[in-house]
Each structure stands twice: as C-alpha cells, then as structure tokens.
Amino acid sequence: MKVTATKITEAPEEVVEQQKLITGTMPPEPSPDLPILVVLLVPEAMTLTPPAETTAAATPAPLPKTASPVPLIGILGAIALIAGFGLRASRLRAAKVRT
C-alpha cells in the first residue's frame, strides 16, 4: 500500500500601505540679498537688596507646637511586639530541635 500526501500551509502576508497627503503651500523662500535679523536680549544687572517693605513681611510668625510623641511611642511598641514574637518563635524552634 502506497500513501501520498500534500502538506498545505498558509503563510500570513503583511501588506503595509502608506499615503502622504499634503495640503497648503509653503511660504516663498527669502531672497538671498536680504539681511537676516537676529535679536539678542541681555538682562540688566540684578540687584540683590530687596525693598524695605518686603523684608518686614517676609519674616514668618512662629508656628504653634502641634506635634506629639504618640507616633514615636507607637512605632517603638510595634518594634517591641515584633521582637517578642520573634524571640518566642526562635525559642520554640530551639525546643523542637533539642527533642
């Protein structure tokens, strides 16, 4: 018995199409005999002394003391709690290893 077969494969084909559409017109080129205008702005020397009116208003009033040590105490408590659980876990592991 003789069997023959033909393998048919389909290859994907990419088609890329690009069109360029330009509308409007470009401005005319300047004639070569016209000079080119270049503007250079140089700032004047700045003075470092502020006016007398703004120096009095620039000093801020002292802020009220609204902070408290409660967040610091909370963080220290959390660290102590984690350390306690860690020591307990290591002590239980050491007890299991001995037995």
PDB file of N, CA and C in Angstrom:
ATOM      1  N   MET A   1       0.833  -1.162   0.000  1.00  0.00           N
ATOM      2  CA  MET A   1       0.000   0.000   0.000  1.00  0.00           C
ATOM      3  C   MET A   1       0.893   1.246   0.000  1.00  0.00           C
ATOM      4  N   LYS A   2       0.624   2.147  -0.891  1.00  0.00           N
ATOM      5  CA  LYS A   2       1.412   3.366  -1.037  1.00  0.00           C
ATOM      6  C   LYS A   2       0.494   4.559  -0.783  1.00  0.00           C
ATOM      7  N   VAL A   3       0.916   5.423   0.175  1.00  0.00           N
ATOM      8  CA  VAL A   3       0.116   6.586   0.542  1.00  0.00           C
ATOM      9  C   VAL A   3       0.905   7.847   0.183  1.00  0.00           C
ATOM     10  N   THR A   4       0.274   8.773  -0.453  1.00  0.00           N
ATOM     11  CA  THR A   4       0.904  10.052  -0.773  1.00  0.00           C
ATOM     12  C   THR A   4       0.087  11.163  -0.124  1.00  0.00           C
ATOM     13  N   ALA A   5       0.761  12.225   0.295  1.00  0.00           N
ATOM     14  CA  ALA A   5       0.079  13.350   0.942  1.00  0.00           C
ATOM     15  C   ALA A   5       0.741  14.653   0.520  1.00  0.00           C
ATOM     16  N   THR A   6      -0.017  15.691   0.539  1.00  0.00           N
ATOM     17  CA  THR A   6       0.488  17.021   0.233  1.00  0.00           C
ATOM     18  C   THR A   6       0.192  17.926   1.417  1.00  0.00           C
ATOM     19  N   LYS A   7       1.208  18.555   1.936  1.00  0.00           N
ATOM     20  CA  LYS A   7       1.041  19.448   3.092  1.00  0.00           C
ATOM     21  C   LYS A   7       0.795  20.857   2.576  1.00  0.00           C
ATOM     22  N   ILE A   8      -0.323  21.449   2.990  1.00  0.00           N
ATOM     23  CA  ILE A   8      -0.670  22.796   2.575  1.00  0.00           C
ATOM     24  C   ILE A   8      -0.554  23.706   3.795  1.00  0.00           C
ATOM     25  N   THR A   9       0.267  24.731   3.691  1.00  0.00           N
ATOM     26  CA  THR A   9       0.426  25.694   4.785  1.00  0.00           C
ATOM     27  C   THR A   9       0.097  27.076   4.251  1.00  0.00           C
ATOM     28  N   GLU A  10      -0.472  27.870   5.128  1.00  0.00           N
ATOM     29  CA  GLU A  10      -0.779  29.248   4.765  1.00  0.00           C
ATOM     30  C   GLU A  10       0.152  30.164   5.544  1.00  0.00           C
ATOM     31  N   ALA A  11       0.865  30.995   4.841  1.00  0.00           N
ATOM     32  CA  ALA A  11       1.766  31.952   5.478  1.00  0.00           C
ATOM     33  C   ALA A  11       1.052  33.300   5.557  1.00  0.00           C
ATOM     34  N   PRO A  12       1.065  33.928   6.729  1.00  0.00           N
ATOM     35  CA  PRO A  12       0.420  35.248   6.817  1.00  0.00           C
ATOM     36  C   PRO A  12       1.195  36.266   5.985  1.00  0.00           C
ATOM     37  N   GLU A  13       0.455  37.094   5.309  1.00  0.00           N
ATOM     38  CA  GLU A  13       1.064  38.070   4.423  1.00  0.00           C
ATOM     39  C   GLU A  13       0.730  39.455   4.943  1.00  0.00           C
ATOM     40  N   GLU A  14       1.744  40.253   5.224  1.00  0.00           N
ATOM     41  CA  GLU A  14       1.545  41.606   5.720  1.00  0.00           C
ATOM     42  C   GLU A  14       1.594  42.588   4.565  1.00  0.00           C
ATOM     43  N   VAL A  15       0.568  43.403   4.491  1.00  0.00           N
ATOM     44  CA  VAL A  15       0.512  44.431   3.452  1.00  0.00           C
ATOM     45  C   VAL A  15       0.467  45.770   4.163  1.00  0.00           C
ATOM     46  N   VAL A  16       1.456  46.590   3.919  1.00  0.00           N
ATOM     47  CA  VAL A  16       1.530  47.908   4.527  1.00  0.00           C
ATOM     48  C   VAL A  16       1.371  48.938   3.426  1.00  0.00           C
ATOM     49  N   GLU A  17       0.423  49.832   3.635  1.00  0.00           N
ATOM     50  CA  GLU A  17       0.175  50.853   2.630  1.00  0.00           C
ATOM     51  C   GLU A  17       0.290  52.210   3.303  1.00  0.00           C
ATOM     52  N   GLN A  18       0.951  53.120   2.652  1.00  0.00           N
ATOM     53  CA  GLN A  18       1.144  54.436   3.226  1.00  0.00           C
ATOM     54  C   GLN A  18       0.870  55.477   2.152  1.00  0.00           C
ATOM     55  N   GLN A  19       0.077  56.456   2.530  1.00  0.00           N
ATOM     56  CA  GLN A  19      -0.192  57.550   1.623  1.00  0.00           C
ATOM     57  C   GLN A  19       0.153  58.846   2.324  1.00  0.00           C
ATOM     58  N   LYS A  20       0.703  59.772   1.602  1.00  0.00           N
ATOM     59  CA  LYS A  20       1.097  61.056   2.159  1.00  0.00           C
ATOM     60  C   LYS A  20       0.262  62.123   1.487  1.00  0.00           C
ATOM     61  N   LEU A  21      -0.477  62.871   2.303  1.00  0.00           N
ATOM     62  CA  LEU A  21      -1.330  63.910   1.771  1.00  0.00           C
ATOM     63  C   LEU A  21      -0.874  65.242   2.348  1.00  0.00           C
ATOM     64  N   ILE A  22      -0.499  66.161   1.489  1.00  0.00           N
ATOM     65  CA  ILE A  22      -0.015  67.468   1.912  1.00  0.00           C
ATOM     66  C   ILE A  22      -0.992  68.513   1.395  1.00  0.00           C
ATOM     67  N   THR A  23      -1.449  69.352   2.328  1.00  0.00           N
ATOM     68  CA  THR A  23      -2.341  70.432   1.927  1.00  0.00           C
ATOM     69  C   THR A  23      -1.681  71.756   2.258  1.00  0.00           C
ATOM     70  N   GLY A  24      -2.035  72.780   1.569  1.00  0.00           N
ATOM     71  CA  GLY A  24      -1.464  74.098   1.814  1.00  0.00           C
ATOM     72  C   GLY A  24      -0.244  74.339   0.958  1.00  0.00           C
ATOM     73  N   THR A  25       0.341  75.504   1.151  1.00  0.00           N
ATOM     74  CA  THR A  25       1.527  75.865   0.381  1.00  0.00           C
ATOM     75  C   THR A  25       2.597  76.372   1.335  1.00  0.00           C
ATOM     76  N   MET A  26       3.824  76.212   0.941  1.00  0.00           N
ATOM     77  CA  MET A  26       4.950  76.707   1.728  1.00  0.00           C
ATOM     78  C   MET A  26       5.125  78.189   1.470  1.00  0.00           C
ATOM     79  N   PRO A  27       5.652  78.923   2.456  1.00  0.00           N
ATOM     80  CA  PRO A  27       5.923  80.341   2.196  1.00  0.00           C
ATOM     81  C   PRO A  27       7.071  80.462   1.196  1.00  0.00           C
ATOM     82  N   PRO A  28       7.120  81.555   0.482  1.00  0.00           N
ATOM     83  CA  PRO A  28       8.201  81.709  -0.502  1.00  0.00           C
ATOM     84  C   PRO A  28       9.553  81.850   0.194  1.00  0.00           C
ATOM     85  N   GLU A  29      10.571  81.361  -0.440  1.00  0.00           N
ATOM     86  CA  GLU A  29      11.918  81.460   0.114  1.00  0.00           C
ATOM     87  C   GLU A  29      12.373  82.918   0.095  1.00  0.00           C
ATOM     88  N   PRO A  30      13.095  83.350   1.149  1.00  0.00           N
ATOM     89  CA  PRO A  30      13.583  84.738   1.139  1.00  0.00           C
ATOM     90  C   PRO A  30      14.666  84.900   0.078  1.00  0.00           C
ATOM     91  N   SER A  31      14.733  86.075  -0.423  1.00  0.00           N
ATOM     92  CA  SER A  31      15.756  86.311  -1.442  1.00  0.00           C
ATOM     93  C   SER A  31      17.124  86.364  -0.763  1.00  0.00           C
ATOM     94  N   PRO A  32      18.148  85.889  -1.419  1.00  0.00           N
ATOM     95  CA  PRO A  32      19.467  85.802  -0.790  1.00  0.00           C
ATOM     96  C   PRO A  32      20.114  87.160  -0.531  1.00  0.00           C
ATOM     97  N   ASP A  33      19.640  88.236  -1.117  1.00  0.00           N
ATOM     98  CA  ASP A  33      20.288  89.536  -0.912  1.00  0.00           C
ATOM     99  C   ASP A  33      19.728  90.288   0.293  1.00  0.00           C
ATOM    100  N   LEU A  34      18.695  89.772   0.971  1.00  0.00           N
ATOM    101  CA  LEU A  34      18.151  90.426   2.155  1.00  0.00           C
ATOM    102  C   LEU A  34      18.946  90.013   3.401  1.00  0.00           C
ATOM    103  N   PRO A  35      19.213  90.962   4.303  1.00  0.00           N
ATOM    104  CA  PRO A  35      19.942  90.593   5.517  1.00  0.00           C
ATOM    105  C   PRO A  35      19.029  89.827   6.487  1.00  0.00           C
ATOM    106  N   ILE A  36      19.637  89.049   7.370  1.00  0.00           N
ATOM    107  CA  ILE A  36      18.903  88.276   8.370  1.00  0.00           C
ATOM    108  C   ILE A  36      18.926  89.064   9.668  1.00  0.00           C
ATOM    109  N   LEU A  37      17.758  89.216  10.288  1.00  0.00           N
ATOM    110  CA  LEU A  37      17.636  89.964  11.532  1.00  0.00           C
ATOM    111  C   LEU A  37      17.792  89.006  12.710  1.00  0.00           C
ATOM    112  N   VAL A  38      18.746  89.291  13.611  1.00  0.00           N
ATOM    113  CA  VAL A  38      18.978  88.493  14.811  1.00  0.00           C
ATOM    114  C   VAL A  38      18.825  89.415  16.001  1.00  0.00           C
ATOM    115  N   VAL A  39      17.980  89.006  16.983  1.00  0.00           N
ATOM    116  CA  VAL A  39      17.748  89.816  18.178  1.00  0.00           C
ATOM    117  C   VAL A  39      18.364  89.093  19.370  1.00  0.00           C
ATOM    118  N   LEU A  40      19.157  89.815  20.149  1.00  0.00           N
ATOM    119  CA  LEU A  40      19.793  89.265  21.335  1.00  0.00           C
ATOM    120  C   LEU A  40      19.364  90.102  22.532  1.00  0.00           C
ATOM    121  N   LEU A  41      18.680  89.470  23.499  1.00  0.00           N
ATOM    122  CA  LEU A  41      18.229  90.173  24.687  1.00  0.00           C
ATOM    123  C   LEU A  41      19.191  89.901  25.833  1.00  0.00           C
ATOM    124  N   VAL A  42      19.729  90.948  26.416  1.00  0.00           N
ATOM    125  CA  VAL A  42      20.648  90.830  27.543  1.00  0.00           C
ATOM    126  C   VAL A  42      19.944  91.414  28.768  1.00  0.00           C
ATOM    127  N   PRO A  43      19.743  90.619  29.837  1.00  0.00           N
ATOM    128  CA  PRO A  43      19.074  91.153  31.022  1.00  0.00           C
ATOM    129  C   PRO A  43      19.968  92.152  31.746  1.00  0.00           C
ATOM    130  N   GLU A  44      19.312  93.098  32.390  1.00  0.00           N
ATOM    131  CA  GLU A  44      20.065  94.091  33.151  1.00  0.00           C
ATOM    132  C   GLU A  44      20.627  93.448  34.419  1.00  0.00           C
ATOM    133  N   ALA A  45      21.615  94.090  34.996  1.00  0.00           N
ATOM    134  CA  ALA A  45      22.207  93.565  36.225  1.00  0.00           C
ATOM    135  C   ALA A  45      21.156  93.566  37.327  1.00  0.00           C
ATOM    136  N   MET A  46      21.047  92.455  38.025  1.00  0.00           N
ATOM    137  CA  MET A  46      20.040  92.336  39.075  1.00  0.00           C
ATOM    138  C   MET A  46      20.629  92.805  40.401  1.00  0.00           C
ATOM    139  N   THR A  47      19.833  93.509  41.158  1.00  0.00           N
ATOM    140  CA  THR A  47      20.285  93.945  42.477  1.00  0.00           C
ATOM    141  C   THR A  47      19.833  92.911  43.498  1.00  0.00           C
ATOM    142  N   LEU A  48      20.660  92.637  44.481  1.00  0.00           N
ATOM    143  CA  LEU A  48      20.360  91.625  45.483  1.00  0.00           C
ATOM    144  C   LEU A  48      19.702  92.191  46.727  1.00  0.00           C
ATOM    145  N   THR A  49      19.558  93.494  46.834  1.00  0.00           N
ATOM    146  CA  THR A  49      18.946  94.080  48.015  1.00  0.00           C
ATOM    147  C   THR A  49      17.445  94.226  47.767  1.00  0.00           C
ATOM    148  N   PRO A  50      16.608  93.535  48.560  1.00  0.00           N
ATOM    149  CA  PRO A  50      15.161  93.659  48.370  1.00  0.00           C
ATOM    150  C   PRO A  50      14.669  94.975  48.943  1.00  0.00           C
ATOM    151  N   PRO A  51      13.531  95.447  48.504  1.00  0.00           N
ATOM    152  CA  PRO A  51      12.974  96.679  49.059  1.00  0.00           C
ATOM    153  C   PRO A  51      12.677  96.516  50.552  1.00  0.00           C
ATOM    154  N   ALA A  52      12.630  97.614  51.270  1.00  0.00           N
ATOM    155  CA  ALA A  52      12.432  97.585  52.720  1.00  0.00           C
ATOM    156  C   ALA A  52      11.048  97.090  53.090  1.00  0.00           C
ATOM    157  N   GLU A  53      10.047  97.271  52.241  1.00  0.00           N
ATOM    158  CA  GLU A  53       8.689  96.857  52.560  1.00  0.00           C
ATOM    159  C   GLU A  53       8.557  95.340  52.628  1.00  0.00           C
ATOM    160  N   THR A  54       9.249  94.623  51.767  1.00  0.00           N
ATOM    161  CA  THR A  54       9.086  93.172  51.725  1.00  0.00           C
ATOM    162  C   THR A  54       9.889  92.468  52.806  1.00  0.00           C
ATOM    163  N   THR A  55      10.945  93.056  53.351  1.00  0.00           N
ATOM    164  CA  THR A  55      11.743  92.373  54.369  1.00  0.00           C
ATOM    165  C   THR A  55      10.967  92.216  55.661  1.00  0.00           C
ATOM    166  N   ALA A  56      10.139  93.179  56.013  1.00  0.00           N
ATOM    167  CA  ALA A  56       9.369  93.075  57.250  1.00  0.00           C
ATOM    168  C   ALA A  56       8.272  92.029  57.100  1.00  0.00           C
ATOM    169  N   ALA A  57       7.666  91.916  55.942  1.00  0.00           N
ATOM    170  CA  ALA A  57       6.586  90.963  55.725  1.00  0.00           C
ATOM    171  C   ALA A  57       7.112  89.560  55.460  1.00  0.00           C
ATOM    172  N   ALA A  58       8.382  89.416  55.115  1.00  0.00           N
ATOM    173  CA  ALA A  58       8.938  88.121  54.764  1.00  0.00           C
ATOM    174  C   ALA A  58       9.249  87.267  55.987  1.00  0.00           C
ATOM    175  N   THR A  59       9.398  87.846  57.160  1.00  0.00           N
ATOM    176  CA  THR A  59       9.703  87.048  58.342  1.00  0.00           C
ATOM    177  C   THR A  59       8.428  86.357  58.812  1.00  0.00           C
ATOM    178  N   PRO A  60       8.419  85.024  58.835  1.00  0.00           N
ATOM    179  CA  PRO A  60       7.201  84.308  59.208  1.00  0.00           C
ATOM    180  C   PRO A  60       6.987  84.324  60.724  1.00  0.00           C
ATOM    181  N   ALA A  61       5.737  84.209  61.110  1.00  0.00           N
ATOM    182  CA  ALA A  61       5.393  84.130  62.523  1.00  0.00           C
ATOM    183  C   ALA A  61       5.736  82.725  63.017  1.00  0.00           C
ATOM    184  N   PRO A  62       6.074  82.568  64.290  1.00  0.00           N
ATOM    185  CA  PRO A  62       6.397  81.222  64.794  1.00  0.00           C
ATOM    186  C   PRO A  62       5.156  80.327  64.769  1.00  0.00           C
ATOM    187  N   LEU A  63       5.366  79.082  64.401  1.00  0.00           N
ATOM    188  CA  LEU A  63       4.272  78.132  64.303  1.00  0.00           C
ATOM    189  C   LEU A  63       3.969  77.525  65.672  1.00  0.00           C
ATOM    190  N   PRO A  64       2.725  77.162  65.925  1.00  0.00           N
ATOM    191  CA  PRO A  64       2.391  76.533  67.206  1.00  0.00           C
ATOM    192  C   PRO A  64       2.927  75.102  67.260  1.00  0.00           C
ATOM    193  N   LYS A  65       3.226  74.628  68.447  1.00  0.00           N
ATOM    194  CA  LYS A  65       3.736  73.266  68.617  1.00  0.00           C
ATOM    195  C   LYS A  65       2.549  72.315  68.676  1.00  0.00           C
ATOM    196  N   THR A  66       2.315  71.605  67.568  1.00  0.00           N
ATOM    197  CA  THR A  66       1.173  70.700  67.499  1.00  0.00           C
ATOM    198  C   THR A  66       1.590  69.240  67.477  1.00  0.00           C
ATOM    199  N   ALA A  67       2.854  68.938  67.347  1.00  0.00           N
ATOM    200  CA  ALA A  67       3.307  67.554  67.276  1.00  0.00           C
ATOM    201  C   ALA A  67       3.331  66.935  68.668  1.00  0.00           C
ATOM    202  N   SER A  68       3.169  65.620  68.712  1.00  0.00           N
ATOM    203  CA  SER A  68       3.223  64.912  69.979  1.00  0.00           C
ATOM    204  C   SER A  68       4.080  63.660  69.804  1.00  0.00           C
ATOM    205  N   PRO A  69       4.564  63.059  70.892  1.00  0.00           N
ATOM    206  CA  PRO A  69       5.409  61.867  70.792  1.00  0.00           C
ATOM    207  C   PRO A  69       4.609  60.580  70.613  1.00  0.00           C
ATOM    208  N   VAL A  70       3.299  60.643  70.420  1.00  0.00           N
ATOM    209  CA  VAL A  70       2.477  59.430  70.330  1.00  0.00           C
ATOM    210  C   VAL A  70       2.882  58.540  69.153  1.00  0.00           C
ATOM    211  N   PRO A  71       3.129  59.051  67.931  1.00  0.00           N
ATOM    212  CA  PRO A  71       3.547  58.153  66.847  1.00  0.00           C
ATOM    213  C   PRO A  71       4.872  57.460  67.140  1.00  0.00           C
ATOM    214  N   LEU A  72       5.808  58.155  67.759  1.00  0.00           N
ATOM    215  CA  LEU A  72       7.093  57.541  68.096  1.00  0.00           C
ATOM    216  C   LEU A  72       6.894  56.424  69.108  1.00  0.00           C
ATOM    217  N   ILE A  73       6.051  56.649  70.086  1.00  0.00           N
ATOM    218  CA  ILE A  73       5.780  55.613  71.093  1.00  0.00           C
ATOM    219  C   ILE A  73       5.099  54.423  70.435  1.00  0.00           C
ATOM    220  N   GLY A  74       4.204  54.659  69.484  1.00  0.00           N
ATOM    221  CA  GLY A  74       3.539  53.568  68.772  1.00  0.00           C
ATOM    222  C   GLY A  74       4.512  52.739  67.963  1.00  0.00           C
ATOM    223  N   ILE A  75       5.440  53.393  67.291  1.00  0.00           N
ATOM    224  CA  ILE A  75       6.441  52.664  66.493  1.00  0.00           C
ATOM    225  C   ILE A  75       7.335  51.833  67.401  1.00  0.00           C
ATOM    226  N   LEU A  76       7.768  52.406  68.524  1.00  0.00           N
ATOM    227  CA  LEU A  76       8.609  51.649  69.462  1.00  0.00           C
ATOM    228  C   LEU A  76       7.846  50.452  70.030  1.00  0.00           C
ATOM    229  N   GLY A  77       6.555  50.604  70.295  1.00  0.00           N
ATOM    230  CA  GLY A  77       5.746  49.494  70.781  1.00  0.00           C
ATOM    231  C   GLY A  77       5.626  48.392  69.745  1.00  0.00           C
ATOM    232  N   ALA A  78       5.434  48.771  68.482  1.00  0.00           N
ATOM    233  CA  ALA A  78       5.337  47.775  67.417  1.00  0.00           C
ATOM    234  C   ALA A  78       6.654  47.018  67.256  1.00  0.00           C
ATOM    235  N   ILE A  79       7.773  47.716  67.377  1.00  0.00           N
ATOM    236  CA  ILE A  79       9.080  47.055  67.272  1.00  0.00           C
ATOM    237  C   ILE A  79       9.263  46.078  68.425  1.00  0.00           C
ATOM    238  N   ALA A  80       8.863  46.479  69.624  1.00  0.00           N
ATOM    239  CA  ALA A  80       8.982  45.584  70.783  1.00  0.00           C
ATOM    240  C   ALA A  80       8.089  44.364  70.616  1.00  0.00           C
ATOM    241  N   LEU A  81       6.883  44.551  70.086  1.00  0.00           N
ATOM    242  CA  LEU A  81       5.966  43.433  69.871  1.00  0.00           C
ATOM    243  C   LEU A  81       6.528  42.448  68.847  1.00  0.00           C
ATOM    244  N   ILE A  82       7.075  42.962  67.749  1.00  0.00           N
ATOM    245  CA  ILE A  82       7.671  42.093  66.722  1.00  0.00           C
ATOM    246  C   ILE A  82       8.870  41.350  67.287  1.00  0.00           C
ATOM    247  N   ALA A  83       9.695  42.055  68.076  1.00  0.00           N
ATOM    248  CA  ALA A  83      10.856  41.399  68.682  1.00  0.00           C
ATOM    249  C   ALA A  83      10.406  40.299  69.637  1.00  0.00           C
ATOM    250  N   GLY A  84       9.352  40.520  70.392  1.00  0.00           N
ATOM    251  CA  GLY A  84       8.852  39.493  71.311  1.00  0.00           C
ATOM    252  C   GLY A  84       8.366  38.265  70.570  1.00  0.00           C
ATOM    253  N   PHE A  85       7.597  38.468  69.480  1.00  0.00           N
ATOM    254  CA  PHE A  85       7.135  37.316  68.700  1.00  0.00           C
ATOM    255  C   PHE A  85       8.309  36.581  68.049  1.00  0.00           C
ATOM    256  N   GLY A  86       9.303  37.325  67.600  1.00  0.00           N
ATOM    257  CA  GLY A  86      10.480  36.698  67.000  1.00  0.00           C
ATOM    258  C   GLY A  86      11.250  35.864  67.997  1.00  0.00           C
ATOM    259  N   LEU A  87      11.443  36.383  69.212  1.00  0.00           N
ATOM    260  CA  LEU A  87      12.153  35.610  70.236  1.00  0.00           C
ATOM    261  C   LEU A  87      11.362  34.365  70.630  1.00  0.00           C
ATOM    262  N   ARG A  88      10.039  34.481  70.717  1.00  0.00           N
ATOM    263  CA  ARG A  88       9.218  33.326  71.085  1.00  0.00           C
ATOM    264  C   ARG A  88       9.315  32.256  70.008  1.00  0.00           C
ATOM    265  N   ALA A  89       9.261  32.671  68.727  1.00  0.00           N
ATOM    266  CA  ALA A  89       9.350  31.707  67.638  1.00  0.00           C
ATOM    267  C   ALA A  89      10.709  31.023  67.616  1.00  0.00           C
ATOM    268  N   SER A  90      11.779  31.776  67.850  1.00  0.00           N
ATOM    269  CA  SER A  90      13.107  31.150  67.855  1.00  0.00           C
ATOM    270  C   SER A  90      13.271  30.218  69.042  1.00  0.00           C
ATOM    271  N   ARG A  91      12.653  30.564  70.201  1.00  0.00           N
ATOM    272  CA  ARG A  91      12.729  29.691  71.370  1.00  0.00           C
ATOM    273  C   ARG A  91      11.957  28.388  71.120  1.00  0.00           C
ATOM    274  N   LEU A  92      10.800  28.457  70.459  1.00  0.00           N
ATOM    275  CA  LEU A  92      10.043  27.242  70.155  1.00  0.00           C
ATOM    276  C   LEU A  92      10.767  26.368  69.144  1.00  0.00           C
ATOM    277  N   ARG A  93      11.426  26.972  68.177  1.00  0.00           N
ATOM    278  CA  ARG A  93      12.208  26.173  67.215  1.00  0.00           C
ATOM    279  C   ARG A  93      13.376  25.475  67.903  1.00  0.00           C
ATOM    280  N   ALA A  94      14.038  26.201  68.821  1.00  0.00           N
ATOM    281  CA  ALA A  94      15.177  25.608  69.525  1.00  0.00           C
ATOM    282  C   ALA A  94      14.704  24.457  70.395  1.00  0.00           C
ATOM    283  N   ALA A  95      13.507  24.555  70.986  1.00  0.00           N
ATOM    284  CA  ALA A  95      12.983  23.471  71.823  1.00  0.00           C
ATOM    285  C   ALA A  95      12.656  22.251  70.965  1.00  0.00           C
ATOM    286  N   LYS A  96      12.159  22.437  69.752  1.00  0.00           N
ATOM    287  CA  LYS A  96      11.848  21.315  68.865  1.00  0.00           C
ATOM    288  C   LYS A  96      13.119  20.609  68.399  1.00  0.00           C
ATOM    289  N   VAL A  97      14.190  21.357  68.202  1.00  0.00           N
ATOM    290  CA  VAL A  97      15.447  20.777  67.727  1.00  0.00           C
ATOM    291  C   VAL A  97      16.058  19.918  68.823  1.00  0.00           C
ATOM    292  N   ARG A  98      15.941  20.318  70.085  1.00  0.00           N
ATOM    293  CA  ARG A  98      16.532  19.573  71.211  1.00  0.00           C
ATOM    294  C   ARG A  98      15.814  18.243  71.443  1.00  0.00           C
ATOM    295  N   THR A  99      14.553  18.192  71.162  1.00  0.00           N
ATOM    296  CA  THR A  99      13.812  16.962  71.443  1.00  0.00           C
ATOM    297  C   THR A  99      13.814  16.006  70.305  1.00  0.00           C
TER     298      THR A  99
END
